[in-house]
N, C-alpha and C. Protein backbone atom coordinates (compact mmCIF):
# COMPACT_ATOMS: atom_id res chain seq x y z
N MET A 1 85.83 -31.08 61.61
CA MET A 1 86.33 -30.89 60.27
C MET A 1 87.00 -29.52 60.20
N THR A 2 88.22 -29.48 59.71
CA THR A 2 88.92 -28.22 59.55
C THR A 2 89.34 -28.05 58.10
N GLY A 3 89.55 -26.84 57.74
CA GLY A 3 89.97 -26.53 56.38
C GLY A 3 90.35 -25.08 56.31
N PRO A 4 90.63 -24.59 55.13
CA PRO A 4 91.02 -23.19 55.01
C PRO A 4 89.84 -22.25 55.31
N ILE A 5 90.16 -21.13 55.88
CA ILE A 5 89.13 -20.11 56.13
C ILE A 5 88.92 -19.36 54.83
N ARG A 6 87.69 -19.39 54.34
CA ARG A 6 87.38 -18.74 53.07
C ARG A 6 86.54 -17.48 53.24
N THR A 7 85.83 -17.39 54.36
CA THR A 7 84.95 -16.25 54.60
C THR A 7 85.12 -15.76 56.03
N ILE A 8 85.21 -14.45 56.19
CA ILE A 8 85.29 -13.82 57.51
C ILE A 8 84.17 -12.80 57.60
N VAL A 9 83.45 -12.80 58.71
CA VAL A 9 82.40 -11.82 58.96
C VAL A 9 82.85 -10.97 60.14
N ALA A 10 82.89 -9.66 59.94
CA ALA A 10 83.30 -8.73 60.99
C ALA A 10 82.14 -7.80 61.30
N GLY A 11 81.76 -7.75 62.56
CA GLY A 11 80.72 -6.83 62.99
C GLY A 11 81.34 -5.53 63.48
N ILE A 12 80.90 -4.42 62.90
CA ILE A 12 81.43 -3.13 63.32
C ILE A 12 80.36 -2.39 64.13
N ALA A 13 80.82 -1.56 65.05
CA ALA A 13 79.91 -0.88 65.97
C ALA A 13 79.43 0.46 65.43
N THR A 14 80.19 1.09 64.58
CA THR A 14 79.83 2.43 64.15
C THR A 14 80.17 2.64 62.68
N LEU A 15 79.44 3.53 62.06
CA LEU A 15 79.73 3.91 60.68
C LEU A 15 80.35 5.30 60.63
N GLU A 16 80.39 5.98 61.75
CA GLU A 16 80.83 7.37 61.80
C GLU A 16 82.35 7.51 61.87
N THR A 17 83.01 6.61 62.58
CA THR A 17 84.46 6.66 62.69
C THR A 17 85.02 5.30 62.31
N GLU A 18 86.32 5.23 62.20
CA GLU A 18 86.94 3.95 61.86
C GLU A 18 86.82 2.99 63.04
N ASP A 19 86.23 1.85 62.80
CA ASP A 19 86.04 0.85 63.86
C ASP A 19 87.34 0.09 64.07
N PRO A 20 87.73 -0.18 65.32
CA PRO A 20 89.00 -0.87 65.58
C PRO A 20 89.03 -2.32 65.09
N VAL A 21 87.89 -2.89 64.77
CA VAL A 21 87.83 -4.28 64.29
C VAL A 21 88.13 -4.36 62.79
N LEU A 22 87.89 -3.28 62.07
CA LEU A 22 87.94 -3.33 60.61
C LEU A 22 89.33 -3.61 60.05
N LYS A 23 90.35 -2.89 60.49
CA LYS A 23 91.70 -3.10 59.95
C LYS A 23 92.23 -4.51 60.21
N PRO A 24 92.13 -5.03 61.45
CA PRO A 24 92.60 -6.41 61.67
C PRO A 24 91.83 -7.44 60.84
N ALA A 25 90.53 -7.23 60.69
CA ALA A 25 89.73 -8.17 59.89
C ALA A 25 90.15 -8.12 58.43
N LEU A 26 90.40 -6.94 57.92
CA LEU A 26 90.84 -6.79 56.54
C LEU A 26 92.22 -7.41 56.33
N THR A 27 93.12 -7.17 57.27
CA THR A 27 94.47 -7.75 57.19
C THR A 27 94.40 -9.27 57.20
N LEU A 28 93.61 -9.83 58.11
CA LEU A 28 93.47 -11.27 58.20
C LEU A 28 92.88 -11.85 56.92
N ALA A 29 91.86 -11.20 56.39
CA ALA A 29 91.24 -11.68 55.15
C ALA A 29 92.24 -11.65 54.00
N GLU A 30 93.03 -10.60 53.91
CA GLU A 30 94.03 -10.51 52.85
C GLU A 30 95.09 -11.60 53.00
N GLU A 31 95.55 -11.82 54.23
CA GLU A 31 96.58 -12.84 54.46
C GLU A 31 96.09 -14.25 54.15
N LEU A 32 94.81 -14.51 54.42
CA LEU A 32 94.25 -15.84 54.19
C LEU A 32 93.64 -16.01 52.80
N GLY A 33 93.53 -14.91 52.08
CA GLY A 33 92.86 -14.97 50.78
C GLY A 33 91.37 -15.20 50.93
N ALA A 34 90.82 -14.72 52.04
CA ALA A 34 89.40 -14.94 52.35
C ALA A 34 88.57 -13.74 51.93
N THR A 35 87.28 -13.97 51.79
CA THR A 35 86.33 -12.90 51.52
C THR A 35 85.90 -12.30 52.86
N LEU A 36 85.90 -10.97 52.93
CA LEU A 36 85.50 -10.29 54.16
C LEU A 36 84.12 -9.68 53.96
N HIS A 37 83.21 -10.00 54.88
CA HIS A 37 81.88 -9.39 54.91
C HIS A 37 81.82 -8.52 56.15
N VAL A 38 81.51 -7.23 55.98
CA VAL A 38 81.43 -6.29 57.09
C VAL A 38 79.96 -6.04 57.38
N MET A 39 79.58 -6.21 58.64
CA MET A 39 78.18 -6.07 59.05
C MET A 39 78.04 -4.95 60.07
N HIS A 40 76.97 -4.19 59.93
CA HIS A 40 76.58 -3.20 60.93
C HIS A 40 75.08 -3.40 61.16
N VAL A 41 74.70 -3.75 62.36
CA VAL A 41 73.31 -4.08 62.67
C VAL A 41 72.76 -3.03 63.62
N PHE A 42 71.50 -2.69 63.44
CA PHE A 42 70.88 -1.70 64.30
C PHE A 42 69.41 -2.04 64.47
N ASP A 43 68.80 -1.49 65.52
CA ASP A 43 67.37 -1.67 65.77
C ASP A 43 66.58 -0.73 64.88
N LEU A 44 65.44 -1.21 64.38
CA LEU A 44 64.54 -0.34 63.65
C LEU A 44 63.80 0.56 64.63
N PRO A 45 63.72 1.86 64.34
CA PRO A 45 62.93 2.75 65.21
C PRO A 45 61.46 2.33 65.19
N GLU A 46 60.75 2.63 66.24
CA GLU A 46 59.35 2.23 66.37
C GLU A 46 58.47 2.65 65.19
N PRO A 47 58.55 3.89 64.68
CA PRO A 47 57.68 4.25 63.54
C PRO A 47 57.90 3.36 62.32
N ILE A 48 59.12 2.94 62.10
CA ILE A 48 59.40 2.08 60.96
C ILE A 48 58.80 0.71 61.20
N GLN A 49 58.93 0.18 62.41
CA GLN A 49 58.32 -1.12 62.72
C GLN A 49 56.81 -1.05 62.55
N ALA A 50 56.20 0.04 62.98
CA ALA A 50 54.75 0.18 62.88
C ALA A 50 54.31 0.15 61.43
N ALA A 51 55.06 0.77 60.54
CA ALA A 51 54.70 0.77 59.12
C ALA A 51 54.71 -0.65 58.57
N TYR A 52 55.68 -1.45 58.96
CA TYR A 52 55.73 -2.83 58.49
C TYR A 52 54.56 -3.63 59.05
N GLU A 53 54.21 -3.39 60.30
CA GLU A 53 53.10 -4.12 60.92
C GLU A 53 51.80 -3.82 60.19
N GLU A 54 51.57 -2.55 59.86
CA GLU A 54 50.33 -2.16 59.19
C GLU A 54 50.23 -2.78 57.81
N ARG A 55 51.32 -2.87 57.11
CA ARG A 55 51.30 -3.42 55.76
C ARG A 55 51.42 -4.93 55.75
N MET A 56 51.65 -5.52 56.88
CA MET A 56 51.82 -6.96 57.02
C MET A 56 53.04 -7.48 56.25
N ILE A 57 53.97 -6.59 55.93
CA ILE A 57 55.24 -7.01 55.34
C ILE A 57 56.09 -7.61 56.44
N PHE A 58 56.01 -7.01 57.60
CA PHE A 58 56.75 -7.47 58.76
C PHE A 58 55.85 -8.42 59.54
N ASP A 59 56.28 -9.60 59.78
CA ASP A 59 55.48 -10.62 60.48
C ASP A 59 55.33 -10.24 61.95
N PRO A 60 54.12 -9.92 62.42
CA PRO A 60 53.93 -9.48 63.81
C PRO A 60 54.33 -10.53 64.84
N THR A 61 54.34 -11.79 64.47
CA THR A 61 54.76 -12.82 65.43
C THR A 61 56.23 -12.68 65.77
N LEU A 62 57.01 -12.07 64.88
CA LEU A 62 58.43 -11.86 65.16
C LEU A 62 58.61 -10.89 66.33
N LEU A 63 57.74 -9.88 66.41
CA LEU A 63 57.84 -8.94 67.54
C LEU A 63 57.56 -9.65 68.85
N LYS A 64 56.61 -10.57 68.85
CA LYS A 64 56.32 -11.31 70.07
C LYS A 64 57.48 -12.22 70.44
N ARG A 65 58.08 -12.83 69.43
CA ARG A 65 59.15 -13.79 69.67
C ARG A 65 60.46 -13.09 70.04
N TYR A 66 60.79 -12.00 69.32
CA TYR A 66 62.10 -11.36 69.50
C TYR A 66 62.01 -9.95 70.05
N GLY A 67 60.81 -9.42 70.24
CA GLY A 67 60.65 -8.05 70.67
C GLY A 67 61.07 -7.82 72.10
N ARG A 68 61.22 -6.57 72.41
CA ARG A 68 61.58 -6.17 73.78
C ARG A 68 60.33 -6.05 74.62
N ASP A 69 60.52 -6.17 75.92
CA ASP A 69 59.39 -5.98 76.86
C ASP A 69 59.18 -4.51 77.11
C-alpha cells in the first residue's frame, strides 16, 4: 500500500552542532507537506537507572532484556 508521506522522523546525532541530517529532512518535509519529528536518543547514565530501579518506576526486567553485558 502506498500513499502520500505525511510524517517524517529524523534521528540526529548531536544537539551541540548542526546535524547534517536536519536540513535535508526539513526540506523534504516542507516539500511534501509532511510533519517532521526530530529525535535524539541517548543512554541513561548508571546513577539515573539505579534511581528508577529503587523506586520501581523503571521495570527491572527491561534491563535484563535490553541491558548491556
